[in-house]
Structure formats: C-alpha cells, structure tokens
Amino acid sequence: MSAQYDLYLQQHRSNVHKGFEWIQENLPELVKDGVGWQTEFAHDASKNEPDEYEAYDRYFYGNNKSYQVMQDYRKAWLLHIHRNPHHWQHWVLINDDPKEGEIVLDMPYNYILEMICDWWAFSWQKGNLNEIFNWYDEHKAYIKMSPKTRKSVETILGKMKEKLSESNSKGENL
C-alpha cells in the first residue's frame, strides 16, 4: 500500500463530495430525490479492491512502467469503468455483430451528476473551479454519450458556469 495513493484517493473523494455539496447548495434544482448517495458516500469504492488498488498504485506511484505494470493498469481501468456507472465508458455497448456496431446508452441522471462531480474534482484540486469547462470543451468530441445524456451534461455544466460567473461578478468566494 502506498501512502501517496491513499492520500490521492482521500483527496479525490473529498473533492467529488465538495462538488456535490456545492451543487446541492447553489443549484438545488439539479439534485433530484435519491440523487447523491453514491456521490457522497461510495464514490470509486472499487478502487479499494486489490485488483484495482494495486495496479493503480504501481502505475501511478511505482518506479517501474514495465509492460506488465501497463497491462495490469489497463485491466484495472477496465474493471473500474465496468464497476462504476458514473463513467461514460460504462454506457458504451460494443456488440459482437459488426452490423450492430457500437451503441451508446442513456446514462441515468444520478450517474451523470456523479460523473460531473468526478470531472470537477480535478478543478477543486487545482483551485480553479472553472477549469472543468475548458476540460469538457477539449474532450467532448471524444466522449461518447447519447444525445439525451449529452444534453443533460451540457445543461448541468451550463448552469454551473452561469452560477460561478454570477458568484464571481458579485465577488463571492466559493
């Protein structure tokens, strides 16, 4: 076990929670009944499983980027996105039949909100709450989401950006 990775997990989960609390306080209309339990209490719990924890720890905090370390990390990431439906990749179905190809499913709202808080956690870590908007603009062409999911994501991000701008113009410190 790595103290560095443990600290990262603690900080990341705390920042996801901060983002969710900010949304609850500043945009309560976005937090519908039953939304938030996972975001508040169990975000990325699977990263504590040995098959994820050890691979992530070796990859990010080890001194060896061997082929095996890379393969173990990739397998851990695949396990992680399949265990955690707040990742958009979880909702991309790759069919056996080439005629069916790839199908991108709608994400349930609670996972959309958690995904946004997950992305936003890195902005909280850097102390720039607006960074998420540039990050999303740079990545949105790559991120596979159904039209319904994308509309929800962009609506939520738009409301967040508007509220942050409003607060900044008033000189409020969030």
N, C-alpha and C. Protein backbone atom coordinates (compact mmCIF):
# COMPACT_ATOMS: atom_id res chain seq x y z
N MET A 1 0.83 -1.18 0.00
CA MET A 1 0.00 0.00 0.00
C MET A 1 0.87 1.25 0.00
N SER A 2 0.41 2.22 -0.74
CA SER A 2 1.16 3.45 -0.88
C SER A 2 0.44 4.58 -0.15
N ALA A 3 1.17 5.26 0.70
CA ALA A 3 0.59 6.41 1.39
C ALA A 3 0.21 7.49 0.38
N GLN A 4 0.99 7.62 -0.70
CA GLN A 4 0.68 8.61 -1.73
C GLN A 4 -0.65 8.31 -2.41
N TYR A 5 -0.87 7.05 -2.76
CA TYR A 5 -2.12 6.70 -3.43
C TYR A 5 -3.29 6.82 -2.47
N ASP A 6 -3.10 6.43 -1.23
CA ASP A 6 -4.16 6.58 -0.23
C ASP A 6 -4.54 8.05 -0.08
N LEU A 7 -3.55 8.93 -0.05
CA LEU A 7 -3.82 10.36 0.06
C LEU A 7 -4.56 10.87 -1.17
N TYR A 8 -4.12 10.44 -2.36
CA TYR A 8 -4.82 10.83 -3.59
C TYR A 8 -6.29 10.41 -3.53
N LEU A 9 -6.56 9.16 -3.15
CA LEU A 9 -7.94 8.68 -3.08
C LEU A 9 -8.76 9.52 -2.10
N GLN A 10 -8.19 9.80 -0.95
CA GLN A 10 -8.88 10.60 0.06
C GLN A 10 -9.19 12.00 -0.48
N GLN A 11 -8.21 12.63 -1.10
CA GLN A 11 -8.41 13.98 -1.65
C GLN A 11 -9.42 13.97 -2.79
N HIS A 12 -9.31 12.99 -3.68
CA HIS A 12 -10.23 12.92 -4.82
C HIS A 12 -11.67 12.75 -4.33
N ARG A 13 -11.88 11.81 -3.45
CA ARG A 13 -13.24 11.59 -2.93
C ARG A 13 -13.76 12.83 -2.21
N SER A 14 -12.90 13.49 -1.48
CA SER A 14 -13.29 14.71 -0.79
C SER A 14 -13.68 15.80 -1.79
N ASN A 15 -12.94 15.92 -2.88
CA ASN A 15 -13.25 16.93 -3.88
C ASN A 15 -14.51 16.59 -4.66
N VAL A 16 -14.77 15.32 -4.90
CA VAL A 16 -16.03 14.91 -5.53
C VAL A 16 -17.18 15.33 -4.62
N HIS A 17 -17.00 15.07 -3.34
CA HIS A 17 -18.03 15.43 -2.35
C HIS A 17 -18.22 16.95 -2.28
N LYS A 18 -17.12 17.72 -2.33
CA LYS A 18 -17.22 19.18 -2.32
C LYS A 18 -18.04 19.67 -3.51
N GLY A 19 -17.76 19.09 -4.67
CA GLY A 19 -18.51 19.47 -5.86
C GLY A 19 -19.99 19.18 -5.71
N PHE A 20 -20.30 18.02 -5.17
CA PHE A 20 -21.70 17.66 -4.97
C PHE A 20 -22.36 18.60 -3.96
N GLU A 21 -21.66 18.90 -2.87
CA GLU A 21 -22.20 19.82 -1.87
C GLU A 21 -22.43 21.21 -2.46
N TRP A 22 -21.50 21.65 -3.32
CA TRP A 22 -21.65 22.96 -3.96
C TRP A 22 -22.92 22.96 -4.83
N ILE A 23 -23.12 21.91 -5.58
CA ILE A 23 -24.32 21.81 -6.43
C ILE A 23 -25.57 21.79 -5.56
N GLN A 24 -25.55 21.00 -4.48
CA GLN A 24 -26.70 20.95 -3.56
C GLN A 24 -27.05 22.34 -3.04
N GLU A 25 -26.02 23.10 -2.68
CA GLU A 25 -26.23 24.41 -2.07
C GLU A 25 -26.60 25.48 -3.10
N ASN A 26 -25.91 25.46 -4.24
CA ASN A 26 -26.05 26.54 -5.21
C ASN A 26 -27.02 26.26 -6.35
N LEU A 27 -27.25 25.01 -6.64
CA LEU A 27 -28.17 24.62 -7.72
C LEU A 27 -29.04 23.45 -7.24
N PRO A 28 -29.81 23.66 -6.17
CA PRO A 28 -30.56 22.55 -5.57
C PRO A 28 -31.55 21.89 -6.54
N GLU A 29 -31.97 22.63 -7.56
CA GLU A 29 -32.91 22.05 -8.54
C GLU A 29 -32.28 20.91 -9.33
N LEU A 30 -30.95 20.82 -9.32
CA LEU A 30 -30.26 19.73 -10.03
C LEU A 30 -30.22 18.44 -9.23
N VAL A 31 -30.45 18.53 -7.93
CA VAL A 31 -30.36 17.37 -7.06
C VAL A 31 -31.78 16.84 -6.83
N LYS A 32 -32.12 15.84 -7.60
CA LYS A 32 -33.46 15.26 -7.53
C LYS A 32 -33.50 14.20 -6.43
N ASP A 33 -34.70 13.79 -6.05
CA ASP A 33 -34.88 12.78 -5.00
C ASP A 33 -34.01 11.56 -5.25
N GLY A 34 -33.27 11.16 -4.23
CA GLY A 34 -32.47 9.95 -4.30
C GLY A 34 -31.13 10.12 -4.98
N VAL A 35 -30.86 11.28 -5.55
CA VAL A 35 -29.59 11.51 -6.23
C VAL A 35 -28.55 11.90 -5.20
N GLY A 36 -27.41 11.29 -5.26
CA GLY A 36 -26.31 11.75 -4.44
C GLY A 36 -25.73 10.77 -3.46
N TRP A 37 -26.46 9.73 -3.12
CA TRP A 37 -25.91 8.81 -2.13
C TRP A 37 -24.55 8.28 -2.57
N GLN A 38 -24.47 7.78 -3.79
CA GLN A 38 -23.22 7.23 -4.31
C GLN A 38 -22.14 8.30 -4.32
N THR A 39 -22.48 9.48 -4.78
CA THR A 39 -21.52 10.57 -4.87
C THR A 39 -21.00 10.96 -3.50
N GLU A 40 -21.89 10.96 -2.52
CA GLU A 40 -21.49 11.38 -1.17
C GLU A 40 -20.74 10.30 -0.41
N PHE A 41 -21.14 9.05 -0.56
CA PHE A 41 -20.65 8.03 0.37
C PHE A 41 -19.86 6.88 -0.24
N ALA A 42 -20.01 6.63 -1.52
CA ALA A 42 -19.36 5.43 -2.06
C ALA A 42 -18.63 5.67 -3.38
N HIS A 43 -18.28 6.91 -3.67
CA HIS A 43 -17.62 7.20 -4.93
C HIS A 43 -16.31 6.43 -5.06
N ASP A 44 -16.16 5.74 -6.18
CA ASP A 44 -14.94 4.98 -6.50
C ASP A 44 -14.56 3.95 -5.44
N ALA A 45 -15.53 3.38 -4.77
CA ALA A 45 -15.25 2.38 -3.73
C ALA A 45 -14.46 1.21 -4.29
N SER A 46 -14.65 0.90 -5.56
CA SER A 46 -13.95 -0.26 -6.13
C SER A 46 -12.44 -0.04 -6.22
N LYS A 47 -11.99 1.20 -6.11
CA LYS A 47 -10.54 1.45 -6.13
C LYS A 47 -9.86 0.88 -4.89
N ASN A 48 -10.64 0.45 -3.90
CA ASN A 48 -10.07 -0.21 -2.73
C ASN A 48 -9.92 -1.71 -2.93
N GLU A 49 -10.52 -2.23 -3.98
CA GLU A 49 -10.38 -3.67 -4.29
C GLU A 49 -8.94 -3.94 -4.72
N PRO A 50 -8.34 -5.05 -4.28
CA PRO A 50 -6.94 -5.32 -4.62
C PRO A 50 -6.64 -5.30 -6.12
N ASP A 51 -7.57 -5.80 -6.95
CA ASP A 51 -7.28 -5.84 -8.38
C ASP A 51 -7.27 -4.46 -9.03
N GLU A 52 -7.85 -3.47 -8.39
CA GLU A 52 -7.73 -2.10 -8.87
C GLU A 52 -6.64 -1.36 -8.10
N TYR A 53 -6.70 -1.43 -6.78
CA TYR A 53 -5.80 -0.65 -5.93
C TYR A 53 -4.33 -0.91 -6.28
N GLU A 54 -3.95 -2.16 -6.30
CA GLU A 54 -2.54 -2.50 -6.50
C GLU A 54 -2.05 -2.07 -7.88
N ALA A 55 -2.87 -2.26 -8.90
CA ALA A 55 -2.47 -1.87 -10.25
C ALA A 55 -2.36 -0.35 -10.39
N TYR A 56 -3.32 0.37 -9.85
CA TYR A 56 -3.27 1.84 -9.89
C TYR A 56 -2.05 2.35 -9.12
N ASP A 57 -1.83 1.80 -7.94
CA ASP A 57 -0.72 2.23 -7.10
C ASP A 57 0.61 2.02 -7.82
N ARG A 58 0.81 0.84 -8.40
CA ARG A 58 2.06 0.57 -9.11
C ARG A 58 2.22 1.48 -10.33
N TYR A 59 1.13 1.71 -11.05
CA TYR A 59 1.20 2.52 -12.27
C TYR A 59 1.49 3.99 -11.95
N PHE A 60 0.77 4.56 -11.00
CA PHE A 60 0.91 5.99 -10.73
C PHE A 60 2.02 6.33 -9.74
N TYR A 61 2.35 5.42 -8.83
CA TYR A 61 3.30 5.75 -7.78
C TYR A 61 4.51 4.83 -7.73
N GLY A 62 4.58 3.87 -8.61
CA GLY A 62 5.74 2.99 -8.65
C GLY A 62 6.83 3.56 -9.55
N ASN A 63 7.96 2.95 -9.52
CA ASN A 63 9.10 3.40 -10.33
C ASN A 63 9.28 2.58 -11.59
N ASN A 64 8.39 1.65 -11.82
CA ASN A 64 8.56 0.70 -12.93
C ASN A 64 7.34 0.77 -13.84
N LYS A 65 7.54 1.19 -15.08
CA LYS A 65 6.44 1.22 -16.06
C LYS A 65 6.63 0.06 -17.05
N SER A 66 6.84 -1.11 -16.51
CA SER A 66 7.05 -2.29 -17.35
C SER A 66 5.78 -2.64 -18.13
N TYR A 67 5.92 -3.51 -19.07
CA TYR A 67 4.78 -3.99 -19.85
C TYR A 67 3.71 -4.57 -18.92
N GLN A 68 4.13 -5.34 -17.93
CA GLN A 68 3.18 -5.95 -17.01
C GLN A 68 2.44 -4.91 -16.17
N VAL A 69 3.15 -3.90 -15.72
CA VAL A 69 2.52 -2.82 -14.95
C VAL A 69 1.47 -2.12 -15.82
N MET A 70 1.81 -1.87 -17.08
CA MET A 70 0.86 -1.23 -18.01
C MET A 70 -0.36 -2.12 -18.23
N GLN A 71 -0.14 -3.39 -18.45
CA GLN A 71 -1.26 -4.31 -18.69
C GLN A 71 -2.16 -4.42 -17.45
N ASP A 72 -1.54 -4.50 -16.29
CA ASP A 72 -2.32 -4.57 -15.05
C ASP A 72 -3.14 -3.31 -14.85
N TYR A 73 -2.55 -2.16 -15.15
CA TYR A 73 -3.27 -0.89 -15.03
C TYR A 73 -4.46 -0.85 -16.00
N ARG A 74 -4.23 -1.25 -17.24
CA ARG A 74 -5.32 -1.23 -18.23
C ARG A 74 -6.46 -2.16 -17.82
N LYS A 75 -6.11 -3.31 -17.28
CA LYS A 75 -7.15 -4.23 -16.81
C LYS A 75 -7.90 -3.63 -15.62
N ALA A 76 -7.17 -2.98 -14.72
CA ALA A 76 -7.80 -2.34 -13.55
C ALA A 76 -8.74 -1.22 -14.00
N TRP A 77 -8.32 -0.45 -14.99
CA TRP A 77 -9.18 0.63 -15.51
C TRP A 77 -10.45 0.04 -16.13
N LEU A 78 -10.30 -1.04 -16.88
CA LEU A 78 -11.47 -1.69 -17.48
C LEU A 78 -12.41 -2.20 -16.39
N LEU A 79 -11.86 -2.83 -15.37
CA LEU A 79 -12.68 -3.27 -14.24
C LEU A 79 -13.38 -2.08 -13.59
N HIS A 80 -12.64 -1.01 -13.43
CA HIS A 80 -13.18 0.18 -12.76
C HIS A 80 -14.36 0.77 -13.52
N ILE A 81 -14.23 0.93 -14.82
CA ILE A 81 -15.34 1.54 -15.56
C ILE A 81 -16.55 0.61 -15.64
N HIS A 82 -16.31 -0.69 -15.55
CA HIS A 82 -17.44 -1.62 -15.56
C HIS A 82 -18.10 -1.74 -14.19
N ARG A 83 -17.37 -1.42 -13.15
CA ARG A 83 -17.92 -1.46 -11.79
C ARG A 83 -18.57 -0.14 -11.37
N ASN A 84 -18.27 0.92 -12.10
CA ASN A 84 -18.68 2.26 -11.69
C ASN A 84 -19.43 2.97 -12.80
N PRO A 85 -20.75 2.95 -12.74
CA PRO A 85 -21.56 3.50 -13.84
C PRO A 85 -21.53 5.02 -13.95
N HIS A 86 -20.74 5.70 -13.13
CA HIS A 86 -20.60 7.15 -13.32
C HIS A 86 -19.58 7.48 -14.39
N HIS A 87 -19.00 6.48 -15.03
CA HIS A 87 -18.10 6.69 -16.16
C HIS A 87 -18.85 6.52 -17.46
N TRP A 88 -18.71 7.46 -18.36
CA TRP A 88 -19.42 7.37 -19.63
C TRP A 88 -19.09 6.09 -20.40
N GLN A 89 -17.87 5.60 -20.24
CA GLN A 89 -17.45 4.38 -20.94
C GLN A 89 -18.30 3.18 -20.54
N HIS A 90 -18.85 3.21 -19.35
CA HIS A 90 -19.70 2.13 -18.83
C HIS A 90 -20.93 1.94 -19.71
N TRP A 91 -21.35 3.00 -20.38
CA TRP A 91 -22.61 3.02 -21.13
C TRP A 91 -22.41 2.85 -22.63
N VAL A 92 -21.21 2.45 -23.04
CA VAL A 92 -20.93 2.19 -24.45
C VAL A 92 -20.94 0.69 -24.66
N LEU A 93 -21.91 0.22 -25.43
CA LEU A 93 -22.07 -1.21 -25.70
C LEU A 93 -21.41 -1.53 -27.03
N ILE A 94 -20.43 -2.41 -26.98
CA ILE A 94 -19.75 -2.85 -28.19
C ILE A 94 -20.28 -4.25 -28.51
N ASN A 95 -21.03 -4.33 -29.58
CA ASN A 95 -21.70 -5.58 -29.94
C ASN A 95 -20.77 -6.55 -30.67
N ASP A 96 -21.10 -7.82 -30.59
CA ASP A 96 -20.37 -8.84 -31.34
C ASP A 96 -20.63 -8.73 -32.83
N ASP A 97 -21.84 -8.38 -33.17
CA ASP A 97 -22.25 -8.29 -34.57
C ASP A 97 -21.81 -6.95 -35.15
N PRO A 98 -20.93 -6.98 -36.14
CA PRO A 98 -20.46 -5.72 -36.73
C PRO A 98 -21.59 -4.85 -37.29
N LYS A 99 -22.68 -5.47 -37.68
CA LYS A 99 -23.81 -4.70 -38.21
C LYS A 99 -24.45 -3.84 -37.11
N GLU A 100 -24.38 -4.32 -35.88
CA GLU A 100 -24.93 -3.56 -34.75
C GLU A 100 -23.94 -2.52 -34.25
N GLY A 101 -22.65 -2.81 -34.40
CA GLY A 101 -21.61 -1.87 -34.01
C GLY A 101 -21.67 -1.46 -32.55
N GLU A 102 -21.41 -0.21 -32.36
CA GLU A 102 -21.38 0.37 -31.02
C GLU A 102 -22.70 1.08 -30.76
N ILE A 103 -23.23 0.90 -29.58
CA ILE A 103 -24.46 1.58 -29.18
C ILE A 103 -24.16 2.32 -27.88
N VAL A 104 -24.49 3.60 -27.87
CA VAL A 104 -24.28 4.40 -26.67
C VAL A 104 -25.63 4.56 -25.97
N LEU A 105 -25.69 4.04 -24.75
CA LEU A 105 -26.93 4.05 -23.98
C LEU A 105 -27.07 5.34 -23.17
N ASP A 106 -28.31 5.67 -22.83
CA ASP A 106 -28.56 6.81 -21.95
C ASP A 106 -28.04 6.49 -20.55
N MET A 107 -27.41 7.48 -19.93
CA MET A 107 -26.97 7.34 -18.54
C MET A 107 -28.09 7.79 -17.62
N PRO A 108 -28.33 7.07 -16.53
CA PRO A 108 -29.28 7.57 -15.53
C PRO A 108 -28.76 8.88 -14.93
N TYR A 109 -29.67 9.75 -14.57
CA TYR A 109 -29.34 11.10 -14.11
C TYR A 109 -28.37 11.09 -12.92
N ASN A 110 -28.59 10.20 -11.96
CA ASN A 110 -27.71 10.20 -10.78
C ASN A 110 -26.26 9.94 -11.15
N TYR A 111 -26.03 9.10 -12.17
CA TYR A 111 -24.65 8.84 -12.59
C TYR A 111 -24.08 10.00 -13.41
N ILE A 112 -24.95 10.70 -14.13
CA ILE A 112 -24.49 11.90 -14.85
C ILE A 112 -23.97 12.92 -13.84
N LEU A 113 -24.74 13.15 -12.80
CA LEU A 113 -24.33 14.13 -11.79
C LEU A 113 -23.03 13.70 -11.10
N GLU A 114 -22.92 12.41 -10.80
CA GLU A 114 -21.69 11.92 -10.18
C GLU A 114 -20.51 12.06 -11.13
N MET A 115 -20.72 11.78 -12.42
CA MET A 115 -19.65 11.91 -13.40
C MET A 115 -19.14 13.34 -13.45
N ILE A 116 -20.06 14.28 -13.45
CA ILE A 116 -19.67 15.69 -13.49
C ILE A 116 -18.89 16.06 -12.23
N CYS A 117 -19.34 15.60 -11.08
CA CYS A 117 -18.61 15.86 -9.83
C CYS A 117 -17.22 15.21 -9.88
N ASP A 118 -17.13 14.04 -10.49
CA ASP A 118 -15.85 13.35 -10.66
C ASP A 118 -14.91 14.19 -11.52
N TRP A 119 -15.41 14.66 -12.65
CA TRP A 119 -14.58 15.52 -13.52
C TRP A 119 -14.19 16.80 -12.78
N TRP A 120 -15.14 17.37 -12.05
CA TRP A 120 -14.94 18.64 -11.40
C TRP A 120 -13.95 18.54 -10.24
N ALA A 121 -13.78 17.35 -9.69
CA ALA A 121 -12.87 17.15 -8.56
C ALA A 121 -11.46 17.64 -8.88
N PHE A 122 -11.06 17.51 -10.13
CA PHE A 122 -9.71 17.94 -10.52
C PHE A 122 -9.61 19.46 -10.53
N SER A 123 -10.72 20.14 -10.84
CA SER A 123 -10.75 21.61 -10.75
C SER A 123 -10.64 22.06 -9.30
N TRP A 124 -11.33 21.35 -8.41
CA TRP A 124 -11.25 21.67 -6.98
C TRP A 124 -9.82 21.48 -6.50
N GLN A 125 -9.18 20.40 -6.95
CA GLN A 125 -7.81 20.11 -6.52
C GLN A 125 -6.87 21.24 -6.94
N LYS A 126 -7.08 21.79 -8.13
CA LYS A 126 -6.21 22.85 -8.66
C LYS A 126 -6.61 24.23 -8.18
N GLY A 127 -7.78 24.33 -7.53
CA GLY A 127 -8.23 25.62 -7.05
C GLY A 127 -8.81 26.52 -8.13
N ASN A 128 -9.22 25.93 -9.25
CA ASN A 128 -9.82 26.69 -10.35
C ASN A 128 -11.12 25.99 -10.75
N LEU A 129 -12.21 26.42 -10.14
CA LEU A 129 -13.49 25.73 -10.36
C LEU A 129 -14.00 25.85 -11.79
N ASN A 130 -13.46 26.77 -12.57
CA ASN A 130 -13.88 26.93 -13.96
C ASN A 130 -13.12 26.02 -14.92
N GLU A 131 -12.10 25.36 -14.45
CA GLU A 131 -11.28 24.52 -15.33
C GLU A 131 -12.10 23.42 -16.00
N ILE A 132 -13.11 22.91 -15.34
CA ILE A 132 -13.93 21.83 -15.90
C ILE A 132 -14.50 22.20 -17.26
N PHE A 133 -14.83 23.46 -17.46
CA PHE A 133 -15.47 23.87 -18.71
C PHE A 133 -14.49 23.78 -19.89
N ASN A 134 -13.26 24.19 -19.68
CA ASN A 134 -12.23 24.03 -20.72
C ASN A 134 -11.94 22.56 -20.96
N TRP A 135 -11.86 21.81 -19.85
CA TRP A 135 -11.59 20.37 -19.98
C TRP A 135 -12.68 19.70 -20.82
N TYR A 136 -13.92 20.01 -20.52
CA TYR A 136 -15.03 19.41 -21.27
C TYR A 136 -14.98 19.83 -22.74
N ASP A 137 -14.73 21.10 -23.01
CA ASP A 137 -14.65 21.56 -24.39
C ASP A 137 -13.55 20.83 -25.16
N GLU A 138 -12.44 20.55 -24.49
CA GLU A 138 -11.33 19.85 -25.14
C GLU A 138 -11.61 18.36 -25.35
N HIS A 139 -12.48 17.78 -24.53
CA HIS A 139 -12.72 16.33 -24.58
C HIS A 139 -14.07 15.90 -25.16
N LYS A 140 -15.01 16.82 -25.30
CA LYS A 140 -16.38 16.43 -25.64
C LYS A 140 -16.51 15.70 -26.98
N ALA A 141 -15.66 16.01 -27.93
CA ALA A 141 -15.75 15.32 -29.22
C ALA A 141 -15.37 13.84 -29.09
N TYR A 142 -14.55 13.53 -28.11
CA TYR A 142 -14.11 12.16 -27.88
C TYR A 142 -15.08 11.37 -27.00
N ILE A 143 -15.69 12.05 -26.06
CA ILE A 143 -16.57 11.40 -25.09
C ILE A 143 -17.84 10.93 -25.78
N LYS A 144 -18.12 9.66 -25.65
CA LYS A 144 -19.30 9.07 -26.29
C LYS A 144 -20.48 9.08 -25.33
N MET A 145 -21.47 9.87 -25.68
CA MET A 145 -22.69 9.95 -24.88
C MET A 145 -23.88 9.97 -25.82
N SER A 146 -24.99 9.42 -25.34
CA SER A 146 -26.22 9.51 -26.11
C SER A 146 -26.64 10.98 -26.18
N PRO A 147 -27.45 11.33 -27.17
CA PRO A 147 -27.91 12.73 -27.24
C PRO A 147 -28.61 13.19 -25.95
N LYS A 148 -29.41 12.32 -25.35
CA LYS A 148 -30.11 12.68 -24.11
C LYS A 148 -29.11 12.93 -22.98
N THR A 149 -28.11 12.05 -22.86
CA THR A 149 -27.09 12.21 -21.82
C THR A 149 -26.29 13.47 -22.05
N ARG A 150 -25.87 13.71 -23.29
CA ARG A 150 -25.08 14.91 -23.61
C ARG A 150 -25.87 16.17 -23.28
N LYS A 151 -27.15 16.17 -23.60
CA LYS A 151 -27.99 17.35 -23.30
C LYS A 151 -28.02 17.59 -21.79
N SER A 152 -28.18 16.53 -21.01
CA SER A 152 -28.18 16.68 -19.55
C SER A 152 -26.84 17.20 -19.05
N VAL A 153 -25.75 16.62 -19.55
CA VAL A 153 -24.41 17.05 -19.13
C VAL A 153 -24.22 18.53 -19.44
N GLU A 154 -24.56 18.92 -20.65
CA GLU A 154 -24.30 20.30 -21.05
C GLU A 154 -25.24 21.29 -20.36
N THR A 155 -26.45 20.85 -20.03
CA THR A 155 -27.36 21.69 -19.25
C THR A 155 -26.80 21.91 -17.85
N ILE A 156 -26.36 20.85 -17.21
CA ILE A 156 -25.79 20.95 -15.86
C ILE A 156 -24.54 21.83 -15.88
N LEU A 157 -23.63 21.57 -16.82
CA LEU A 157 -22.41 22.37 -16.91
C LEU A 157 -22.74 23.84 -17.17
N GLY A 158 -23.73 24.10 -18.00
CA GLY A 158 -24.15 25.47 -18.29
C GLY A 158 -24.65 26.18 -17.04
N LYS A 159 -25.45 25.48 -16.25
CA LYS A 159 -25.97 26.07 -15.00
C LYS A 159 -24.83 26.31 -14.01
N MET A 160 -23.89 25.38 -13.95
CA MET A 160 -22.75 25.56 -13.06
C MET A 160 -21.93 26.79 -13.47
N LYS A 161 -21.66 26.89 -14.76
CA LYS A 161 -20.86 28.00 -15.27
C LYS A 161 -21.56 29.33 -15.00
N GLU A 162 -22.85 29.37 -15.25
CA GLU A 162 -23.62 30.59 -15.02
C GLU A 162 -23.57 30.98 -13.54
N LYS A 163 -23.76 30.01 -12.65
CA LYS A 163 -23.75 30.30 -11.21
C LYS A 163 -22.37 30.75 -10.74
N LEU A 164 -21.32 30.10 -11.25
CA LEU A 164 -19.96 30.51 -10.89
C LEU A 164 -19.67 31.92 -11.40
N SER A 165 -20.10 32.24 -12.61
CA SER A 165 -19.89 33.59 -13.16
C SER A 165 -20.64 34.63 -12.35
N GLU A 166 -21.86 34.30 -12.00
CA GLU A 166 -22.69 35.19 -11.18
C GLU A 166 -22.02 35.44 -9.83
N SER A 167 -21.53 34.38 -9.22
CA SER A 167 -20.87 34.50 -7.91
C SER A 167 -19.57 35.28 -8.03
N ASN A 168 -18.82 35.05 -9.10
CA ASN A 168 -17.55 35.78 -9.30
C ASN A 168 -17.81 37.26 -9.52
N SER A 169 -18.87 37.60 -10.26
CA SER A 169 -19.16 39.01 -10.52
C SER A 169 -19.61 39.74 -9.26
N LYS A 170 -20.16 38.99 -8.31
CA LYS A 170 -20.57 39.57 -7.03
C LYS A 170 -19.40 39.60 -6.04
N GLY A 171 -18.27 39.01 -6.44
CA GLY A 171 -17.11 38.96 -5.57
C GLY A 171 -17.20 37.91 -4.49
N GLU A 172 -18.14 36.97 -4.66
CA GLU A 172 -18.28 35.89 -3.68
C GLU A 172 -17.15 34.89 -3.85
N ASN A 173 -16.70 34.36 -2.77
CA ASN A 173 -15.63 33.37 -2.80
C ASN A 173 -16.24 32.00 -2.58
N LEU A 174 -16.21 31.17 -3.61
CA LEU A 174 -16.76 29.83 -3.49
C LEU A 174 -15.64 28.91 -3.17
